[in-house]
Amino acid sequence: EERDRELAALRAGAAYAQSHGLEVHAGHGLTYDTVGPIAAIPE
């Protein structure tokens, strides 16, 4: 449940960063099990 809230916050952060003209990257700790939801964030 906490993971999903953090994922939602990352999604919101990515959208907010793009709205400010920033290109958005992500990383740290990603594995085969965790990469999918992050990779799916369109920004």
All heavy atoms as atom14 arrays in JSON, in Angstrom:
{
  "sequence": "EERDRELAALRAGAAYAQSHGLEVHAGHGLTYDTVGPIAAIPE",
  "atom14_mask": [
    [1, 1, 1, 1, 1, 1, 1, 1, 1, 0, 0, 0, 0, 0],
    [1, 1, 1, 1, 1, 1, 1, 1, 1, 0, 0, 0, 0, 0],
    [1, 1, 1, 1, 1, 1, 1, 1, 1, 1, 1, 0, 0, 0],
    [1, 1, 1, 1, 1, 1, 1, 1, 0, 0, 0, 0, 0, 0],
    [1, 1, 1, 1, 1, 1, 1, 1, 1, 1, 1, 0, 0, 0],
    [1, 1, 1, 1, 1, 1, 1, 1, 1, 0, 0, 0, 0, 0],
    [1, 1, 1, 1, 1, 1, 1, 1, 0, 0, 0, 0, 0, 0],
    [1, 1, 1, 1, 1, 0, 0, 0, 0, 0, 0, 0, 0, 0],
    [1, 1, 1, 1, 1, 0, 0, 0, 0, 0, 0, 0, 0, 0],
    [1, 1, 1, 1, 1, 1, 1, 1, 0, 0, 0, 0, 0, 0],
    [1, 1, 1, 1, 1, 1, 1, 1, 1, 1, 1, 0, 0, 0],
    [1, 1, 1, 1, 1, 0, 0, 0, 0, 0, 0, 0, 0, 0],
    [1, 1, 1, 1, 0, 0, 0, 0, 0, 0, 0, 0, 0, 0],
    [1, 1, 1, 1, 1, 0, 0, 0, 0, 0, 0, 0, 0, 0],
    [1, 1, 1, 1, 1, 0, 0, 0, 0, 0, 0, 0, 0, 0],
    [1, 1, 1, 1, 1, 1, 1, 1, 1, 1, 1, 1, 0, 0],
    [1, 1, 1, 1, 1, 0, 0, 0, 0, 0, 0, 0, 0, 0],
    [1, 1, 1, 1, 1, 1, 1, 1, 1, 0, 0, 0, 0, 0],
    [1, 1, 1, 1, 1, 1, 0, 0, 0, 0, 0, 0, 0, 0],
    [1, 1, 1, 1, 1, 1, 1, 1, 1, 1, 0, 0, 0, 0],
    [1, 1, 1, 1, 0, 0, 0, 0, 0, 0, 0, 0, 0, 0],
    [1, 1, 1, 1, 1, 1, 1, 1, 0, 0, 0, 0, 0, 0],
    [1, 1, 1, 1, 1, 1, 1, 1, 1, 0, 0, 0, 0, 0],
    [1, 1, 1, 1, 1, 1, 1, 0, 0, 0, 0, 0, 0, 0],
    [1, 1, 1, 1, 1, 1, 1, 1, 1, 1, 0, 0, 0, 0],
    [1, 1, 1, 1, 1, 0, 0, 0, 0, 0, 0, 0, 0, 0],
    [1, 1, 1, 1, 0, 0, 0, 0, 0, 0, 0, 0, 0, 0],
    [1, 1, 1, 1, 1, 1, 1, 1, 1, 1, 0, 0, 0, 0],
    [1, 1, 1, 1, 0, 0, 0, 0, 0, 0, 0, 0, 0, 0],
    [1, 1, 1, 1, 1, 1, 1, 1, 0, 0, 0, 0, 0, 0],
    [1, 1, 1, 1, 1, 1, 1, 0, 0, 0, 0, 0, 0, 0],
    [1, 1, 1, 1, 1, 1, 1, 1, 1, 1, 1, 1, 0, 0],
    [1, 1, 1, 1, 1, 1, 1, 1, 0, 0, 0, 0, 0, 0],
    [1, 1, 1, 1, 1, 1, 1, 0, 0, 0, 0, 0, 0, 0],
    [1, 1, 1, 1, 1, 1, 1, 0, 0, 0, 0, 0, 0, 0],
    [1, 1, 1, 1, 0, 0, 0, 0, 0, 0, 0, 0, 0, 0],
    [1, 1, 1, 1, 1, 1, 1, 0, 0, 0, 0, 0, 0, 0],
    [1, 1, 1, 1, 1, 1, 1, 1, 0, 0, 0, 0, 0, 0],
    [1, 1, 1, 1, 1, 0, 0, 0, 0, 0, 0, 0, 0, 0],
    [1, 1, 1, 1, 1, 0, 0, 0, 0, 0, 0, 0, 0, 0],
    [1, 1, 1, 1, 1, 1, 1, 1, 0, 0, 0, 0, 0, 0],
    [1, 1, 1, 1, 1, 1, 1, 0, 0, 0, 0, 0, 0, 0],
    [1, 1, 1, 1, 1, 1, 1, 1, 1, 0, 0, 0, 0, 0]
  ],
  "atom14_positions": [
    [[0.84, -1.2, 0.0], [0.0, 0.0, 0.0], [0.87, 1.25, 0.0], [0.61, 2.21, -0.73], [-0.95, 0.0, 1.2], [-2.06, -1.03, 1.1], [-3.07, -0.9, 2.23], [-2.98, 0.07, 3.01], [-3.95, -1.78, 2.34], [0.0, 0.0, 0.0], [0.0, 0.0, 0.0], [0.0, 0.0, 0.0], [0.0, 0.0, 0.0], [0.0, 0.0, 0.0]],
    [[1.93, 1.24, 0.82], [2.85, 2.36, 0.85], [3.61, 2.48, -0.48], [3.84, 3.58, -0.98], [3.84, 2.21, 1.99], [3.23, 2.32, 3.37], [4.26, 2.02, 4.44], [5.06, 2.91, 4.76], [4.25, 0.87, 4.95], [0.0, 0.0, 0.0], [0.0, 0.0, 0.0], [0.0, 0.0, 0.0], [0.0, 0.0, 0.0], [0.0, 0.0, 0.0]],
    [[3.96, 1.34, -1.03], [4.63, 1.33, -2.35], [3.76, 2.01, -3.4], [4.23, 2.82, -4.2], [4.92, -0.11, -2.76], [5.49, -0.25, -4.17], [5.2, -1.62, -4.74], [3.78, -1.88, -4.88], [3.25, -3.06, -5.22], [4.05, -4.1, -5.42], [1.94, -3.22, -5.35], [0.0, 0.0, 0.0], [0.0, 0.0, 0.0], [0.0, 0.0, 0.0]],
    [[2.47, 1.67, -3.38], [1.57, 2.23, -4.39], [1.38, 3.73, -4.21], [1.24, 4.47, -5.19], [0.23, 1.5, -4.35], [0.32, 0.05, -4.81], [1.36, -0.3, -5.42], [-0.63, -0.72, -4.57], [0.0, 0.0, 0.0], [0.0, 0.0, 0.0], [0.0, 0.0, 0.0], [0.0, 0.0, 0.0], [0.0, 0.0, 0.0], [0.0, 0.0, 0.0]],
    [[1.4, 4.19, -2.97], [1.33, 5.63, -2.73], [2.6, 6.33, -3.24], [2.53, 7.42, -3.81], [1.11, 5.92, -1.24], [-0.3, 5.6, -0.77], [-0.59, 6.23, 0.58], [0.22, 5.66, 1.66], [-0.14, 4.6, 2.38], [-1.3, 3.98, 2.13], [0.63, 4.16, 3.35], [0.0, 0.0, 0.0], [0.0, 0.0, 0.0], [0.0, 0.0, 0.0]],
    [[3.74, 5.68, -3.01], [5.0, 6.25, -3.5], [5.01, 6.27, -5.03], [5.47, 7.25, -5.64], [6.18, 5.44, -2.97], [7.54, 5.93, -3.41], [7.93, 7.28, -2.84], [7.23, 7.79, -1.94], [8.95, 7.84, -3.3], [0.0, 0.0, 0.0], [0.0, 0.0, 0.0], [0.0, 0.0, 0.0], [0.0, 0.0, 0.0], [0.0, 0.0, 0.0]],
    [[4.5, 5.22, -5.64], [4.42, 5.18, -7.1], [3.53, 6.3, -7.62], [3.87, 6.97, -8.61], [3.89, 3.81, -7.55], [3.72, 3.62, -9.06], [5.05, 3.77, -9.79], [3.1, 2.24, -9.34], [0.0, 0.0, 0.0], [0.0, 0.0, 0.0], [0.0, 0.0, 0.0], [0.0, 0.0, 0.0], [0.0, 0.0, 0.0], [0.0, 0.0, 0.0]],
    [[2.4, 6.53, -6.95], [1.51, 7.63, -7.36], [2.22, 8.97, -7.24], [2.04, 9.86, -8.09], [0.24, 7.6, -6.52], [0.0, 0.0, 0.0], [0.0, 0.0, 0.0], [0.0, 0.0, 0.0], [0.0, 0.0, 0.0], [0.0, 0.0, 0.0], [0.0, 0.0, 0.0], [0.0, 0.0, 0.0], [0.0, 0.0, 0.0], [0.0, 0.0, 0.0]],
    [[3.01, 9.13, -6.18], [3.75, 10.39, -6.0], [4.8, 10.56, -7.09], [5.04, 11.68, -7.56], [4.39, 10.42, -4.61], [0.0, 0.0, 0.0], [0.0, 0.0, 0.0], [0.0, 0.0, 0.0], [0.0, 0.0, 0.0], [0.0, 0.0, 0.0], [0.0, 0.0, 0.0], [0.0, 0.0, 0.0], [0.0, 0.0, 0.0], [0.0, 0.0, 0.0]],
    [[5.44, 9.48, -7.5], [6.4, 9.55, -8.59], [5.72, 9.91, -9.9], [6.25, 10.71, -10.69], [7.15, 8.21, -8.72], [8.19, 7.93, -7.63], [8.57, 6.45, -7.64], [9.42, 8.8, -7.81], [0.0, 0.0, 0.0], [0.0, 0.0, 0.0], [0.0, 0.0, 0.0], [0.0, 0.0, 0.0], [0.0, 0.0, 0.0], [0.0, 0.0, 0.0]],
    [[4.55, 9.34, -10.13], [3.8, 9.7, -11.34], [3.47, 11.19, -11.35], [3.63, 11.88, -12.36], [2.51, 8.89, -11.42], [2.68, 7.41, -11.74], [1.34, 6.8, -12.06], [1.42, 5.37, -12.27], [0.9, 4.45, -11.45], [0.23, 4.82, -10.36], [1.02, 3.17, -11.72], [0.0, 0.0, 0.0], [0.0, 0.0, 0.0], [0.0, 0.0, 0.0]],
    [[2.98, 11.68, -10.22], [2.63, 13.1, -10.12], [3.87, 13.97, -10.29], [3.82, 15.01, -10.96], [1.95, 13.37, -8.78], [0.0, 0.0, 0.0], [0.0, 0.0, 0.0], [0.0, 0.0, 0.0], [0.0, 0.0, 0.0], [0.0, 0.0, 0.0], [0.0, 0.0, 0.0], [0.0, 0.0, 0.0], [0.0, 0.0, 0.0], [0.0, 0.0, 0.0]],
    [[4.99, 13.55, -9.69], [6.22, 14.3, -9.81], [6.72, 14.37, -11.24], [7.21, 15.41, -11.7], [0.0, 0.0, 0.0], [0.0, 0.0, 0.0], [0.0, 0.0, 0.0], [0.0, 0.0, 0.0], [0.0, 0.0, 0.0], [0.0, 0.0, 0.0], [0.0, 0.0, 0.0], [0.0, 0.0, 0.0], [0.0, 0.0, 0.0], [0.0, 0.0, 0.0]],
    [[6.6, 13.25, -11.96], [7.04, 13.23, -13.36], [6.2, 14.19, -14.2], [6.74, 14.94, -15.03], [6.95, 11.82, -13.91], [0.0, 0.0, 0.0], [0.0, 0.0, 0.0], [0.0, 0.0, 0.0], [0.0, 0.0, 0.0], [0.0, 0.0, 0.0], [0.0, 0.0, 0.0], [0.0, 0.0, 0.0], [0.0, 0.0, 0.0], [0.0, 0.0, 0.0]],
    [[4.91, 14.19, -13.99], [4.03, 15.1, -14.74], [4.33, 16.55, -14.39], [4.36, 17.43, -15.27], [2.57, 14.76, -14.46], [0.0, 0.0, 0.0], [0.0, 0.0, 0.0], [0.0, 0.0, 0.0], [0.0, 0.0, 0.0], [0.0, 0.0, 0.0], [0.0, 0.0, 0.0], [0.0, 0.0, 0.0], [0.0, 0.0, 0.0], [0.0, 0.0, 0.0]],
    [[4.58, 16.82, -13.11], [4.85, 18.18, -12.67], [6.18, 18.67, -13.24], [6.29, 19.82, -13.68], [4.88, 18.22, -11.14], [4.83, 19.61, -10.56], [3.75, 20.44, -10.79], [5.87, 20.09, -9.76], [3.7, 21.72, -10.25], [5.83, 21.36, -9.21], [4.74, 22.17, -9.47], [4.69, 23.44, -8.93], [0.0, 0.0, 0.0], [0.0, 0.0, 0.0]],
    [[7.17, 17.8, -13.26], [8.48, 18.18, -13.81], [8.37, 18.49, -15.3], [8.92, 19.48, -15.79], [9.5, 17.07, -13.57], [0.0, 0.0, 0.0], [0.0, 0.0, 0.0], [0.0, 0.0, 0.0], [0.0, 0.0, 0.0], [0.0, 0.0, 0.0], [0.0, 0.0, 0.0], [0.0, 0.0, 0.0], [0.0, 0.0, 0.0], [0.0, 0.0, 0.0]],
    [[7.65, 17.67, -16.02], [7.49, 17.92, -17.46], [6.76, 19.24, -17.7], [7.1, 19.99, -18.63], [6.74, 16.78, -18.12], [6.61, 16.95, -19.63], [6.04, 15.74, -20.31], [6.76, 14.78, -20.61], [4.74, 15.75, -20.56], [0.0, 0.0, 0.0], [0.0, 0.0, 0.0], [0.0, 0.0, 0.0], [0.0, 0.0, 0.0], [0.0, 0.0, 0.0]],
    [[5.79, 19.54, -16.86], [5.05, 20.8, -17.01], [5.94, 22.02, -16.79], [5.59, 23.13, -17.19], [3.85, 20.84, -16.06], [4.26, 21.1, -14.72], [0.0, 0.0, 0.0], [0.0, 0.0, 0.0], [0.0, 0.0, 0.0], [0.0, 0.0, 0.0], [0.0, 0.0, 0.0], [0.0, 0.0, 0.0], [0.0, 0.0, 0.0], [0.0, 0.0, 0.0]],
    [[7.07, 21.83, -16.12], [8.03, 22.9, -15.89], [9.16, 22.9, -16.93], [10.19, 23.56, -16.75], [8.63, 22.8, -14.48], [7.73, 23.35, -13.42], [6.54, 22.74, -13.07], [7.83, 24.47, -12.64], [5.96, 23.47, -12.11], [6.72, 24.51, -11.86], [0.0, 0.0, 0.0], [0.0, 0.0, 0.0], [0.0, 0.0, 0.0], [0.0, 0.0, 0.0]],
    [[8.98, 22.16, -18.01], [9.94, 22.15, -19.09], [11.15, 21.27, -18.86], [12.15, 21.4, -19.59], [0.0, 0.0, 0.0], [0.0, 0.0, 0.0], [0.0, 0.0, 0.0], [0.0, 0.0, 0.0], [0.0, 0.0, 0.0], [0.0, 0.0, 0.0], [0.0, 0.0, 0.0], [0.0, 0.0, 0.0], [0.0, 0.0, 0.0], [0.0, 0.0, 0.0]],
    [[11.09, 20.38, -17.88], [12.21, 19.5, -17.56], [12.03, 18.14, -18.22], [10.92, 17.59, -18.24], [12.31, 19.31, -16.05], [12.67, 20.58, -15.26], [12.26, 20.42, -13.8], [14.16, 20.87, -15.37], [0.0, 0.0, 0.0], [0.0, 0.0, 0.0], [0.0, 0.0, 0.0], [0.0, 0.0, 0.0], [0.0, 0.0, 0.0], [0.0, 0.0, 0.0]],
    [[13.11, 17.59, -18.76], [13.08, 16.19, -19.19], [13.16, 15.33, -17.94], [13.92, 15.64, -17.02], [14.24, 15.89, -20.14], [14.21, 14.46, -20.68], [15.24, 14.22, -21.76], [15.29, 15.0, -22.74], [16.01, 13.25, -21.63], [0.0, 0.0, 0.0], [0.0, 0.0, 0.0], [0.0, 0.0, 0.0], [0.0, 0.0, 0.0], [0.0, 0.0, 0.0]],
    [[12.42, 14.22, -17.92], [12.31, 13.41, -16.72], [12.98, 12.06, -16.92], [12.67, 11.33, -17.86], [10.84, 13.2, -16.31], [10.76, 12.48, -14.96], [10.09, 14.53, -16.25], [0.0, 0.0, 0.0], [0.0, 0.0, 0.0], [0.0, 0.0, 0.0], [0.0, 0.0, 0.0], [0.0, 0.0, 0.0], [0.0, 0.0, 0.0], [0.0, 0.0, 0.0]],
    [[13.91, 11.76, -16.01], [14.53, 10.44, -15.92], [14.18, 9.85, -14.55], [13.62, 10.54, -13.7], [16.05, 10.54, -16.07], [16.51, 11.13, -17.37], [17.84, 11.36, -17.65], [15.83, 11.55, -18.46], [17.96, 11.87, -18.86], [16.75, 12.0, -19.37], [0.0, 0.0, 0.0], [0.0, 0.0, 0.0], [0.0, 0.0, 0.0], [0.0, 0.0, 0.0]],
    [[14.54, 8.6, -14.33], [14.3, 7.98, -13.02], [15.31, 6.87, -12.81], [15.86, 6.31, -13.76], [12.88, 7.43, -12.92], [0.0, 0.0, 0.0], [0.0, 0.0, 0.0], [0.0, 0.0, 0.0], [0.0, 0.0, 0.0], [0.0, 0.0, 0.0], [0.0, 0.0, 0.0], [0.0, 0.0, 0.0], [0.0, 0.0, 0.0], [0.0, 0.0, 0.0]],
    [[15.56, 6.55, -11.53], [16.46, 5.46, -11.24], [16.77, 5.33, -9.76], [16.44, 6.2, -8.97], [0.0, 0.0, 0.0], [0.0, 0.0, 0.0], [0.0, 0.0, 0.0], [0.0, 0.0, 0.0], [0.0, 0.0, 0.0], [0.0, 0.0, 0.0], [0.0, 0.0, 0.0], [0.0, 0.0, 0.0], [0.0, 0.0, 0.0], [0.0, 0.0, 0.0]],
    [[17.34, 4.24, -9.41], [17.86, 3.83, -8.1], [17.05, 2.64, -7.58], [15.87, 2.74, -7.29], [17.83, 4.93, -7.04], [18.79, 4.65, -5.9], [20.15, 4.91, -6.0], [18.61, 4.12, -4.68], [20.76, 4.56, -4.88], [19.85, 4.07, -4.07], [0.0, 0.0, 0.0], [0.0, 0.0, 0.0], [0.0, 0.0, 0.0], [0.0, 0.0, 0.0]],
    [[17.75, 1.49, -7.51], [17.18, 0.29, -6.92], [16.27, -0.51, -7.82], [15.68, -1.51, -7.37], [0.0, 0.0, 0.0], [0.0, 0.0, 0.0], [0.0, 0.0, 0.0], [0.0, 0.0, 0.0], [0.0, 0.0, 0.0], [0.0, 0.0, 0.0], [0.0, 0.0, 0.0], [0.0, 0.0, 0.0], [0.0, 0.0, 0.0], [0.0, 0.0, 0.0]],
    [[16.11, -0.13, -9.07], [15.16, -0.81, -9.95], [15.65, -2.22, -10.3], [16.83, -2.45, -10.54], [14.94, 0.0, -11.22], [14.21, 1.33, -11.02], [14.29, 2.18, -12.29], [12.76, 1.1, -10.6], [0.0, 0.0, 0.0], [0.0, 0.0, 0.0], [0.0, 0.0, 0.0], [0.0, 0.0, 0.0], [0.0, 0.0, 0.0], [0.0, 0.0, 0.0]],
    [[14.69, -3.15, -10.33], [14.94, -4.56, -10.65], [13.94, -5.02, -11.7], [13.05, -4.26, -12.09], [14.78, -5.43, -9.39], [13.38, -5.45, -9.02], [15.6, -4.91, -8.21], [0.0, 0.0, 0.0], [0.0, 0.0, 0.0], [0.0, 0.0, 0.0], [0.0, 0.0, 0.0], [0.0, 0.0, 0.0], [0.0, 0.0, 0.0], [0.0, 0.0, 0.0]],
    [[14.06, -6.26, -12.12], [13.06, -6.82, -13.03], [11.65, -6.72, -12.43], [10.68, -6.52, -13.15], [13.36, -8.29, -13.32], [14.62, -8.56, -14.11], [15.23, -9.82, -14.01], [15.21, -7.61, -14.94], [16.39, -10.11, -14.73], [16.36, -7.89, -15.66], [16.95, -9.15, -15.56], [18.09, -9.44, -16.26], [0.0, 0.0, 0.0], [0.0, 0.0, 0.0]],
    [[11.54, -6.88, -11.11], [10.24, -6.88, -10.46], [9.62, -5.49, -10.31], [8.4, -5.37, -10.17], [10.34, -7.52, -9.07], [10.64, -9.01, -9.14], [10.29, -9.64, -10.15], [11.24, -9.52, -8.18], [0.0, 0.0, 0.0], [0.0, 0.0, 0.0], [0.0, 0.0, 0.0], [0.0, 0.0, 0.0], [0.0, 0.0, 0.0], [0.0, 0.0, 0.0]],
    [[10.45, -4.46, -10.29], [9.93, -3.11, -10.01], [9.97, -2.17, -11.2], [9.38, -1.09, -11.15], [10.72, -2.46, -8.86], [12.12, -2.44, -9.19], [10.51, -3.22, -7.56], [0.0, 0.0, 0.0], [0.0, 0.0, 0.0], [0.0, 0.0, 0.0], [0.0, 0.0, 0.0], [0.0, 0.0, 0.0], [0.0, 0.0, 0.0], [0.0, 0.0, 0.0]],
    [[10.62, -2.55, -12.28], [10.82, -1.6, -13.37], [9.54, -1.29, -14.14], [9.36, -0.17, -14.63], [11.93, -2.1, -14.33], [11.46, -3.28, -15.18], [12.43, -0.96, -15.2], [0.0, 0.0, 0.0], [0.0, 0.0, 0.0], [0.0, 0.0, 0.0], [0.0, 0.0, 0.0], [0.0, 0.0, 0.0], [0.0, 0.0, 0.0], [0.0, 0.0, 0.0]],
    [[8.63, -2.26, -14.27], [7.47, -2.08, -15.13], [6.63, -0.85, -14.84], [6.39, -0.02, -15.75], [0.0, 0.0, 0.0], [0.0, 0.0, 0.0], [0.0, 0.0, 0.0], [0.0, 0.0, 0.0], [0.0, 0.0, 0.0], [0.0, 0.0, 0.0], [0.0, 0.0, 0.0], [0.0, 0.0, 0.0], [0.0, 0.0, 0.0], [0.0, 0.0, 0.0]],
    [[6.15, -0.67, -13.59], [5.32, 0.5, -13.31], [6.04, 1.83, -13.51], [5.41, 2.83, -13.87], [4.94, 0.29, -11.84], [5.0, -1.19, -11.64], [6.17, -1.63, -12.46], [0.0, 0.0, 0.0], [0.0, 0.0, 0.0], [0.0, 0.0, 0.0], [0.0, 0.0, 0.0], [0.0, 0.0, 0.0], [0.0, 0.0, 0.0], [0.0, 0.0, 0.0]],
    [[7.35, 1.86, -13.28], [8.11, 3.1, -13.5], [8.28, 3.34, -15.01], [8.09, 4.46, -15.5], [9.49, 3.02, -12.82], [9.33, 2.84, -11.3], [10.32, 4.26, -13.14], [8.65, 3.99, -10.6], [0.0, 0.0, 0.0], [0.0, 0.0, 0.0], [0.0, 0.0, 0.0], [0.0, 0.0, 0.0], [0.0, 0.0, 0.0], [0.0, 0.0, 0.0]],
    [[8.59, 2.29, -15.74], [8.76, 2.42, -17.19], [7.46, 2.85, -17.87], [7.49, 3.47, -18.94], [9.25, 1.1, -17.77], [0.0, 0.0, 0.0], [0.0, 0.0, 0.0], [0.0, 0.0, 0.0], [0.0, 0.0, 0.0], [0.0, 0.0, 0.0], [0.0, 0.0, 0.0], [0.0, 0.0, 0.0], [0.0, 0.0, 0.0], [0.0, 0.0, 0.0]],
    [[6.34, 2.53, -17.25], [5.04, 2.87, -17.85], [4.65, 4.33, -17.66], [3.68, 4.79, -18.28], [3.96, 1.97, -17.25], [0.0, 0.0, 0.0], [0.0, 0.0, 0.0], [0.0, 0.0, 0.0], [0.0, 0.0, 0.0], [0.0, 0.0, 0.0], [0.0, 0.0, 0.0], [0.0, 0.0, 0.0], [0.0, 0.0, 0.0], [0.0, 0.0, 0.0]],
    [[5.36, 5.07, -16.82], [5.04, 6.49, -16.61], [5.41, 7.25, -17.89], [6.59, 7.31, -18.26], [5.8, 7.04, -15.4], [5.37, 6.31, -14.12], [5.57, 8.54, -15.25], [6.18, 6.66, -12.88], [0.0, 0.0, 0.0], [0.0, 0.0, 0.0], [0.0, 0.0, 0.0], [0.0, 0.0, 0.0], [0.0, 0.0, 0.0], [0.0, 0.0, 0.0]],
    [[4.43, 7.82, -18.58], [4.7, 8.34, -19.93], [5.68, 9.5, -19.99], [6.35, 9.68, -21.01], [3.31, 8.76, -20.43], [2.49, 8.96, -19.19], [3.02, 7.97, -18.2], [0.0, 0.0, 0.0], [0.0, 0.0, 0.0], [0.0, 0.0, 0.0], [0.0, 0.0, 0.0], [0.0, 0.0, 0.0], [0.0, 0.0, 0.0], [0.0, 0.0, 0.0]],
    [[5.77, 10.3, -18.92], [6.67, 11.45, -18.95], [8.14, 11.06, -18.82], [9.02, 11.86, -19.15], [6.31, 12.43, -17.82], [4.98, 13.12, -17.98], [3.81, 12.29, -17.47], [4.05, 11.19, -16.9], [2.66, 12.74, -17.64], [0.0, 0.0, 0.0], [0.0, 0.0, 0.0], [0.0, 0.0, 0.0], [0.0, 0.0, 0.0], [0.0, 0.0, 0.0]]
  ]
}
